[in-house]
PDB file of N, CA and C in Angstrom:
ATOM      1  N   UNK A   1     -21.517   5.397  -5.647  1.00  0.00           N
ATOM      2  CA  UNK A   1     -22.063   5.890  -4.405  1.00  0.00           C
ATOM      3  C   UNK A   1     -22.004   7.421  -4.443  1.00  0.00           C
ATOM      4  N   UNK A   2     -23.112   8.072  -4.176  1.00  0.00           N
ATOM      5  CA  UNK A   2     -23.124   9.542  -4.188  1.00  0.00           C
ATOM      6  C   UNK A   2     -22.201  10.121  -3.116  1.00  0.00           C
ATOM      7  N   UNK A   3     -21.633  11.259  -3.439  1.00  0.00           N
ATOM      8  CA  UNK A   3     -20.666  11.894  -2.540  1.00  0.00           C
ATOM      9  C   UNK A   3     -21.302  12.290  -1.217  1.00  0.00           C
ATOM     10  N   UNK A   4     -22.576  12.638  -1.208  1.00  0.00           N
ATOM     11  CA  UNK A   4     -23.211  13.067   0.036  1.00  0.00           C
ATOM     12  C   UNK A   4     -23.292  11.933   1.052  1.00  0.00           C
ATOM     13  N   UNK A   5     -23.410  10.695   0.572  1.00  0.00           N
ATOM     14  CA  UNK A   5     -23.426   9.552   1.491  1.00  0.00           C
ATOM     15  C   UNK A   5     -22.054   9.409   2.155  1.00  0.00           C
ATOM     16  N   UNK A   6     -21.003   9.542   1.351  1.00  0.00           N
ATOM     17  CA  UNK A   6     -19.652   9.456   1.904  1.00  0.00           C
ATOM     18  C   UNK A   6     -19.389  10.580   2.892  1.00  0.00           C
ATOM     19  N   UNK A   7     -19.909  11.767   2.606  1.00  0.00           N
ATOM     20  CA  UNK A   7     -19.720  12.892   3.520  1.00  0.00           C
ATOM     21  C   UNK A   7     -20.438  12.646   4.848  1.00  0.00           C
ATOM     22  N   UNK A   8     -21.642  12.061   4.801  1.00  0.00           N
ATOM     23  CA  UNK A   8     -22.367  11.742   6.040  1.00  0.00           C
ATOM     24  C   UNK A   8     -21.644  10.662   6.847  1.00  0.00           C
ATOM     25  N   UNK A   9     -21.113   9.653   6.155  1.00  0.00           N
ATOM     26  CA  UNK A   9     -20.332   8.620   6.842  1.00  0.00           C
ATOM     27  C   UNK A   9     -19.083   9.215   7.481  1.00  0.00           C
ATOM     28  N   UNK A  10     -18.444  10.102   6.755  1.00  0.00           N
ATOM     29  CA  UNK A  10     -17.245  10.759   7.271  1.00  0.00           C
ATOM     30  C   UNK A  10     -17.574  11.516   8.543  1.00  0.00           C
ATOM     31  N   UNK A  11     -18.652  12.230   8.537  1.00  0.00           N
ATOM     32  CA  UNK A  11     -19.043  13.009   9.712  1.00  0.00           C
ATOM     33  C   UNK A  11     -19.451  12.087  10.867  1.00  0.00           C
ATOM     34  N   UNK A  12     -20.206  11.023  10.571  1.00  0.00           N
ATOM     35  CA  UNK A  12     -20.685  10.109  11.606  1.00  0.00           C
ATOM     36  C   UNK A  12     -19.542   9.376  12.303  1.00  0.00           C
ATOM     37  N   UNK A  13     -18.528   8.973  11.540  1.00  0.00           N
ATOM     38  CA  UNK A  13     -17.414   8.215  12.104  1.00  0.00           C
ATOM     39  C   UNK A  13     -16.214   9.084  12.442  1.00  0.00           C
ATOM     40  N   UNK A  14     -16.370  10.395  12.276  1.00  0.00           N
ATOM     41  CA  UNK A  14     -15.296  11.350  12.579  1.00  0.00           C
ATOM     42  C   UNK A  14     -13.989  10.960  11.905  1.00  0.00           C
ATOM     43  N   UNK A  15     -14.040  10.794  10.595  1.00  0.00           N
ATOM     44  CA  UNK A  15     -12.845  10.423   9.847  1.00  0.00           C
ATOM     45  C   UNK A  15     -12.657  11.379   8.678  1.00  0.00           C
ATOM     46  N   UNK A  16     -11.448  11.387   8.163  1.00  0.00           N
ATOM     47  CA  UNK A  16     -11.122  12.210   7.005  1.00  0.00           C
ATOM     48  C   UNK A  16     -11.001  11.322   5.785  1.00  0.00           C
ATOM     49  N   UNK A  17     -11.651  11.718   4.711  1.00  0.00           N
ATOM     50  CA  UNK A  17     -11.563  10.973   3.460  1.00  0.00           C
ATOM     51  C   UNK A  17     -10.800  11.798   2.443  1.00  0.00           C
ATOM     52  N   UNK A  18      -9.823  11.173   1.800  1.00  0.00           N
ATOM     53  CA  UNK A  18      -9.071  11.817   0.737  1.00  0.00           C
ATOM     54  C   UNK A  18      -9.354  11.066  -0.554  1.00  0.00           C
ATOM     55  N   UNK A  19      -9.813  11.775  -1.541  1.00  0.00           N
ATOM     56  CA  UNK A  19     -10.168  11.152  -2.804  1.00  0.00           C
ATOM     57  C   UNK A  19      -9.078  11.381  -3.839  1.00  0.00           C
ATOM     58  N   UNK A  20      -8.824  10.365  -4.643  1.00  0.00           N
ATOM     59  CA  UNK A  20      -7.945  10.498  -5.799  1.00  0.00           C
ATOM     60  C   UNK A  20      -8.542   9.637  -6.897  1.00  0.00           C
ATOM     61  N   UNK A  21      -8.075   9.837  -8.094  1.00  0.00           N
ATOM     62  CA  UNK A  21      -8.603   9.099  -9.229  1.00  0.00           C
ATOM     63  C   UNK A  21      -7.517   8.250  -9.858  1.00  0.00           C
ATOM     64  N   UNK A  22      -7.918   7.156 -10.444  1.00  0.00           N
ATOM     65  CA  UNK A  22      -6.961   6.262 -11.084  1.00  0.00           C
ATOM     66  C   UNK A  22      -6.399   6.866 -12.363  1.00  0.00           C
ATOM     67  N   UNK A  23      -7.071   7.838 -12.920  1.00  0.00           N
ATOM     68  CA  UNK A  23      -6.654   8.410 -14.192  1.00  0.00           C
ATOM     69  C   UNK A  23      -5.649   9.549 -14.033  1.00  0.00           C
ATOM     70  N   UNK A  24      -5.395   9.975 -12.812  1.00  0.00           N
ATOM     71  CA  UNK A  24      -4.404  11.002 -12.544  1.00  0.00           C
ATOM     72  C   UNK A  24      -3.405  10.486 -11.514  1.00  0.00           C
ATOM     73  N   UNK A  25      -2.492   9.622 -11.959  1.00  0.00           N
ATOM     74  CA  UNK A  25      -1.591   8.970 -11.003  1.00  0.00           C
ATOM     75  C   UNK A  25      -0.673   9.922 -10.255  1.00  0.00           C
ATOM     76  N   UNK A  26      -0.461  11.128 -10.757  1.00  0.00           N
ATOM     77  CA  UNK A  26       0.409  12.071 -10.076  1.00  0.00           C
ATOM     78  C   UNK A  26      -0.190  12.651  -8.818  1.00  0.00           C
ATOM     79  N   UNK A  27      -1.473  12.420  -8.579  1.00  0.00           N
ATOM     80  CA  UNK A  27      -2.146  12.991  -7.411  1.00  0.00           C
ATOM     81  C   UNK A  27      -1.570  12.433  -6.124  1.00  0.00           C
ATOM     82  N   UNK A  28      -1.358  11.155  -6.095  1.00  0.00           N
ATOM     83  CA  UNK A  28      -0.904  10.526  -4.861  1.00  0.00           C
ATOM     84  C   UNK A  28       0.463   9.882  -5.095  1.00  0.00           C
ATOM     85  N   UNK A  29       1.515  10.657  -4.936  1.00  0.00           N
ATOM     86  CA  UNK A  29       2.864  10.169  -5.202  1.00  0.00           C
ATOM     87  C   UNK A  29       3.273   9.030  -4.280  1.00  0.00           C
ATOM     88  N   UNK A  30       2.808   9.077  -3.047  1.00  0.00           N
ATOM     89  CA  UNK A  30       3.173   8.027  -2.090  1.00  0.00           C
ATOM     90  C   UNK A  30       2.615   6.681  -2.544  1.00  0.00           C
ATOM     91  N   UNK A  31       1.377   6.670  -3.036  1.00  0.00           N
ATOM     92  CA  UNK A  31       0.780   5.423  -3.520  1.00  0.00           C
ATOM     93  C   UNK A  31       1.522   4.924  -4.758  1.00  0.00           C
ATOM     94  N   UNK A  32       1.892   5.832  -5.645  1.00  0.00           N
ATOM     95  CA  UNK A  32       2.643   5.448  -6.830  1.00  0.00           C
ATOM     96  C   UNK A  32       3.996   4.854  -6.452  1.00  0.00           C
ATOM     97  N   UNK A  33       4.644   5.425  -5.450  1.00  0.00           N
ATOM     98  CA  UNK A  33       5.933   4.911  -4.983  1.00  0.00           C
ATOM     99  C   UNK A  33       5.780   3.496  -4.430  1.00  0.00           C
ATOM    100  N   UNK A  34       4.718   3.267  -3.665  1.00  0.00           N
ATOM    101  CA  UNK A  34       4.475   1.943  -3.106  1.00  0.00           C
ATOM    102  C   UNK A  34       4.221   0.929  -4.223  1.00  0.00           C
ATOM    103  N   UNK A  35       3.403   1.292  -5.188  1.00  0.00           N
ATOM    104  CA  UNK A  35       3.103   0.391  -6.300  1.00  0.00           C
ATOM    105  C   UNK A  35       4.376   0.061  -7.071  1.00  0.00           C
ATOM    106  N   UNK A  36       5.217   1.062  -7.323  1.00  0.00           N
ATOM    107  CA  UNK A  36       6.471   0.831  -8.039  1.00  0.00           C
ATOM    108  C   UNK A  36       7.384  -0.100  -7.248  1.00  0.00           C
ATOM    109  N   UNK A  37       7.453   0.090  -5.938  1.00  0.00           N
ATOM    110  CA  UNK A  37       8.274  -0.769  -5.089  1.00  0.00           C
ATOM    111  C   UNK A  37       7.786  -2.210  -5.147  1.00  0.00           C
ATOM    112  N   UNK A  38       6.471  -2.399  -5.037  1.00  0.00           N
ATOM    113  CA  UNK A  38       5.921  -3.754  -5.092  1.00  0.00           C
ATOM    114  C   UNK A  38       6.130  -4.390  -6.464  1.00  0.00           C
ATOM    115  N   UNK A  39       6.007  -3.614  -7.527  1.00  0.00           N
ATOM    116  CA  UNK A  39       6.279  -4.132  -8.863  1.00  0.00           C
ATOM    117  C   UNK A  39       7.723  -4.599  -8.976  1.00  0.00           C
ATOM    118  N   UNK A  40       8.644  -3.800  -8.454  1.00  0.00           N
ATOM    119  CA  UNK A  40      10.056  -4.179  -8.499  1.00  0.00           C
ATOM    120  C   UNK A  40      10.319  -5.449  -7.703  1.00  0.00           C
ATOM    121  N   UNK A  41       9.699  -5.554  -6.537  1.00  0.00           N
ATOM    122  CA  UNK A  41       9.876  -6.755  -5.715  1.00  0.00           C
ATOM    123  C   UNK A  41       9.323  -7.984  -6.433  1.00  0.00           C
ATOM    124  N   UNK A  42       8.136  -7.854  -7.015  1.00  0.00           N
ATOM    125  CA  UNK A  42       7.538  -8.981  -7.740  1.00  0.00           C
ATOM    126  C   UNK A  42       8.379  -9.376  -8.947  1.00  0.00           C
ATOM    127  N   UNK A  43       8.901  -8.393  -9.644  1.00  0.00           N
ATOM    128  CA  UNK A  43       9.742  -8.675 -10.813  1.00  0.00           C
ATOM    129  C   UNK A  43      11.008  -9.431 -10.394  1.00  0.00           C
ATOM    130  N   UNK A  44      11.627  -8.999  -9.315  1.00  0.00           N
ATOM    131  CA  UNK A  44      12.846  -9.663  -8.837  1.00  0.00           C
ATOM    132  C   UNK A  44      12.547 -11.090  -8.390  1.00  0.00           C
ATOM    133  N   UNK A  45      11.446 -11.284  -7.668  1.00  0.00           N
ATOM    134  CA  UNK A  45      11.086 -12.627  -7.199  1.00  0.00           C
ATOM    135  C   UNK A  45      10.721 -13.525  -8.371  1.00  0.00           C
ATOM    136  N   UNK A  46      10.087 -12.971  -9.391  1.00  0.00           N
ATOM    137  CA  UNK A  46       9.710 -13.769 -10.554  1.00  0.00           C
ATOM    138  C   UNK A  46      10.962 -14.259 -11.280  1.00  0.00           C
ATOM    139  N   UNK A  47      11.983 -13.418 -11.349  1.00  0.00           N
ATOM    140  CA  UNK A  47      13.228 -13.829 -11.992  1.00  0.00           C
ATOM    141  C   UNK A  47      13.916 -14.946 -11.227  1.00  0.00           C
ATOM    142  N   UNK A  48      13.827 -14.900  -9.906  1.00  0.00           N
ATOM    143  CA  UNK A  48      14.463 -15.924  -9.082  1.00  0.00           C
ATOM    144  C   UNK A  48      13.684 -17.238  -9.060  1.00  0.00           C
ATOM    145  N   UNK A  49      12.364 -17.147  -8.955  1.00  0.00           N
ATOM    146  CA  UNK A  49      11.560 -18.347  -8.735  1.00  0.00           C
ATOM    147  C   UNK A  49      10.804 -18.836  -9.964  1.00  0.00           C
ATOM    148  N   UNK A  50      10.904 -18.115 -11.056  1.00  0.00           N
ATOM    149  CA  UNK A  50      10.218 -18.464 -12.314  1.00  0.00           C
ATOM    150  C   UNK A  50       8.737 -18.723 -12.070  1.00  0.00           C
ATOM    151  N   UNK A  51       8.285 -19.978 -12.149  1.00  0.00           N
ATOM    152  CA  UNK A  51       6.862 -20.263 -12.062  1.00  0.00           C
ATOM    153  C   UNK A  51       6.352 -20.368 -10.627  1.00  0.00           C
ATOM    154  N   UNK A  52       7.231 -20.431  -9.674  1.00  0.00           N
ATOM    155  CA  UNK A  52       6.810 -20.629  -8.281  1.00  0.00           C
ATOM    156  C   UNK A  52       6.636 -19.309  -7.535  1.00  0.00           C
ATOM    157  N   UNK A  53       6.693 -18.175  -8.230  1.00  0.00           N
ATOM    158  CA  UNK A  53       6.631 -16.889  -7.530  1.00  0.00           C
ATOM    159  C   UNK A  53       5.279 -16.651  -6.869  1.00  0.00           C
ATOM    160  N   UNK A  54       4.217 -17.242  -7.383  1.00  0.00           N
ATOM    161  CA  UNK A  54       2.889 -17.037  -6.789  1.00  0.00           C
ATOM    162  C   UNK A  54       2.860 -17.573  -5.360  1.00  0.00           C
ATOM    163  N   UNK A  55       3.537 -18.688  -5.142  1.00  0.00           N
ATOM    164  CA  UNK A  55       3.587 -19.263  -3.800  1.00  0.00           C
ATOM    165  C   UNK A  55       4.408 -18.390  -2.847  1.00  0.00           C
ATOM    166  N   UNK A  56       5.214 -17.509  -3.390  1.00  0.00           N
ATOM    167  CA  UNK A  56       6.084 -16.663  -2.568  1.00  0.00           C
ATOM    168  C   UNK A  56       5.457 -15.311  -2.217  1.00  0.00           C
ATOM    169  N   UNK A  57       4.220 -15.059  -2.611  1.00  0.00           N
ATOM    170  CA  UNK A  57       3.595 -13.759  -2.369  1.00  0.00           C
ATOM    171  C   UNK A  57       3.527 -13.406  -0.889  1.00  0.00           C
ATOM    172  N   UNK A  58       3.301 -14.392  -0.041  1.00  0.00           N
ATOM    173  CA  UNK A  58       3.263 -14.115   1.397  1.00  0.00           C
ATOM    174  C   UNK A  58       4.622 -13.613   1.896  1.00  0.00           C
ATOM    175  N   UNK A  59       5.697 -14.174   1.365  1.00  0.00           N
ATOM    176  CA  UNK A  59       7.031 -13.717   1.751  1.00  0.00           C
ATOM    177  C   UNK A  59       7.310 -12.308   1.238  1.00  0.00           C
ATOM    178  N   UNK A  60       6.805 -11.994   0.050  1.00  0.00           N
ATOM    179  CA  UNK A  60       6.967 -10.647  -0.494  1.00  0.00           C
ATOM    180  C   UNK A  60       6.220  -9.651   0.387  1.00  0.00           C
ATOM    181  N   UNK A  61       5.008 -10.002   0.768  1.00  0.00           N
ATOM    182  CA  UNK A  61       4.221  -9.129   1.649  1.00  0.00           C
ATOM    183  C   UNK A  61       4.929  -8.944   2.995  1.00  0.00           C
ATOM    184  N   UNK A  62       5.433 -10.027   3.552  1.00  0.00           N
ATOM    185  CA  UNK A  62       6.154  -9.966   4.821  1.00  0.00           C
ATOM    186  C   UNK A  62       7.377  -9.067   4.703  1.00  0.00           C
ATOM    187  N   UNK A  63       8.109  -9.234   3.617  1.00  0.00           N
ATOM    188  CA  UNK A  63       9.306  -8.431   3.392  1.00  0.00           C
ATOM    189  C   UNK A  63       8.962  -6.945   3.284  1.00  0.00           C
ATOM    190  N   UNK A  64       7.917  -6.628   2.545  1.00  0.00           N
ATOM    191  CA  UNK A  64       7.521  -5.221   2.386  1.00  0.00           C
ATOM    192  C   UNK A  64       7.061  -4.626   3.713  1.00  0.00           C
ATOM    193  N   UNK A  65       6.268  -5.379   4.461  1.00  0.00           N
ATOM    194  CA  UNK A  65       5.725  -4.869   5.721  1.00  0.00           C
ATOM    195  C   UNK A  65       6.773  -4.741   6.821  1.00  0.00           C
ATOM    196  N   UNK A  66       7.918  -5.380   6.646  1.00  0.00           N
ATOM    197  CA  UNK A  66       8.977  -5.287   7.640  1.00  0.00           C
ATOM    198  C   UNK A  66      10.128  -4.388   7.204  1.00  0.00           C
ATOM    199  N   UNK A  67       9.946  -3.692   6.101  1.00  0.00           N
ATOM    200  CA  UNK A  67      10.981  -2.773   5.642  1.00  0.00           C
ATOM    201  C   UNK A  67      10.657  -1.355   6.126  1.00  0.00           C
ATOM    202  N   UNK A  68      11.695  -0.572   6.326  1.00  0.00           N
ATOM    203  CA  UNK A  68      11.551   0.791   6.840  1.00  0.00           C
ATOM    204  C   UNK A  68      10.851   1.680   5.816  1.00  0.00           C
ATOM    205  N   UNK A  69       9.886   2.477   6.276  1.00  0.00           N
ATOM    206  CA  UNK A  69       9.174   3.428   5.432  1.00  0.00           C
ATOM    207  C   UNK A  69       9.397   4.826   6.005  1.00  0.00           C
ATOM    208  N   UNK A  70      10.004   5.686   5.223  1.00  0.00           N
ATOM    209  CA  UNK A  70      10.328   7.026   5.718  1.00  0.00           C
ATOM    210  C   UNK A  70       9.092   7.861   6.007  1.00  0.00           C
ATOM    211  N   UNK A  71       7.963   7.561   5.361  1.00  0.00           N
ATOM    212  CA  UNK A  71       6.753   8.353   5.589  1.00  0.00           C
ATOM    213  C   UNK A  71       6.203   8.173   7.001  1.00  0.00           C
ATOM    214  N   UNK A  72       6.377   6.992   7.578  1.00  0.00           N
ATOM    215  CA  UNK A  72       5.878   6.744   8.939  1.00  0.00           C
ATOM    216  C   UNK A  72       7.024   6.564   9.935  1.00  0.00           C
ATOM    217  N   UNK A  73       8.244   6.661   9.455  1.00  0.00           N
ATOM    218  CA  UNK A  73       9.468   6.569  10.249  1.00  0.00           C
ATOM    219  C   UNK A  73       9.577   5.241  11.001  1.00  0.00           C
ATOM    220  N   UNK A  74       9.084   4.198  10.389  1.00  0.00           N
ATOM    221  CA  UNK A  74       9.189   2.841  10.937  1.00  0.00           C
ATOM    222  C   UNK A  74       8.656   1.863   9.896  1.00  0.00           C
ATOM    223  N   UNK A  75       8.715   0.600  10.193  1.00  0.00           N
ATOM    224  CA  UNK A  75       8.139  -0.416   9.320  1.00  0.00           C
ATOM    225  C   UNK A  75       6.627  -0.499   9.577  1.00  0.00           C
ATOM    226  N   UNK A  76       5.833  -0.818   8.562  1.00  0.00           N
ATOM    227  CA  UNK A  76       4.388  -0.954   8.782  1.00  0.00           C
ATOM    228  C   UNK A  76       4.041  -1.948   9.883  1.00  0.00           C
ATOM    229  N   UNK A  77       4.828  -3.023  10.000  1.00  0.00           N
ATOM    230  CA  UNK A  77       4.590  -4.002  11.056  1.00  0.00           C
ATOM    231  C   UNK A  77       4.701  -3.344  12.435  1.00  0.00           C
ATOM    232  N   UNK A  78       5.730  -2.508  12.589  1.00  0.00           N
ATOM    233  CA  UNK A  78       5.919  -1.801  13.867  1.00  0.00           C
ATOM    234  C   UNK A  78       4.752  -0.859  14.144  1.00  0.00           C
ATOM    235  N   UNK A  79       4.293  -0.161  13.110  1.00  0.00           N
ATOM    236  CA  UNK A  79       3.177   0.771  13.274  1.00  0.00           C
ATOM    237  C   UNK A  79       1.894   0.041  13.661  1.00  0.00           C
ATOM    238  N   UNK A  80       1.681  -1.121  13.056  1.00  0.00           N
ATOM    239  CA  UNK A  80       0.451  -1.865  13.317  1.00  0.00           C
ATOM    240  C   UNK A  80       0.453  -2.524  14.680  1.00  0.00           C
ATOM    241  N   UNK A  81       1.565  -3.156  15.047  1.00  0.00           N
ATOM    242  CA  UNK A  81       1.623  -3.928  16.285  1.00  0.00           C
ATOM    243  C   UNK A  81       2.398  -3.227  17.409  1.00  0.00           C
ATOM    244  N   UNK A  82       2.887  -2.024  17.161  1.00  0.00           N
ATOM    245  CA  UNK A  82       3.604  -1.238  18.174  1.00  0.00           C
ATOM    246  C   UNK A  82       4.795  -2.020  18.732  1.00  0.00           C
ATOM    247  N   UNK A  83       5.559  -2.669  17.873  1.00  0.00           N
ATOM    248  CA  UNK A  83       6.736  -3.443  18.293  1.00  0.00           C
ATOM    249  C   UNK A  83       7.912  -3.093  17.423  1.00  0.00           C
TER     250      UNK A  83
END
């Protein structure tokens, strides 16, 4: 998609777009931290549940979304549902 289309959408919807590339992982440290955290959680669950870890993905997601995140000073669940 050409950049000018994204710029027009950004202006029309009054939003800010931040671009990063997959080939420069150091650009977005927060995203890298989240990915590393999720990898660690998946690795730990895989060790506990062996072949049944796929069925546990919803619990992993729930656990991550209910854990405190210093960047938003609350859990993502709290930020989304204001509770």
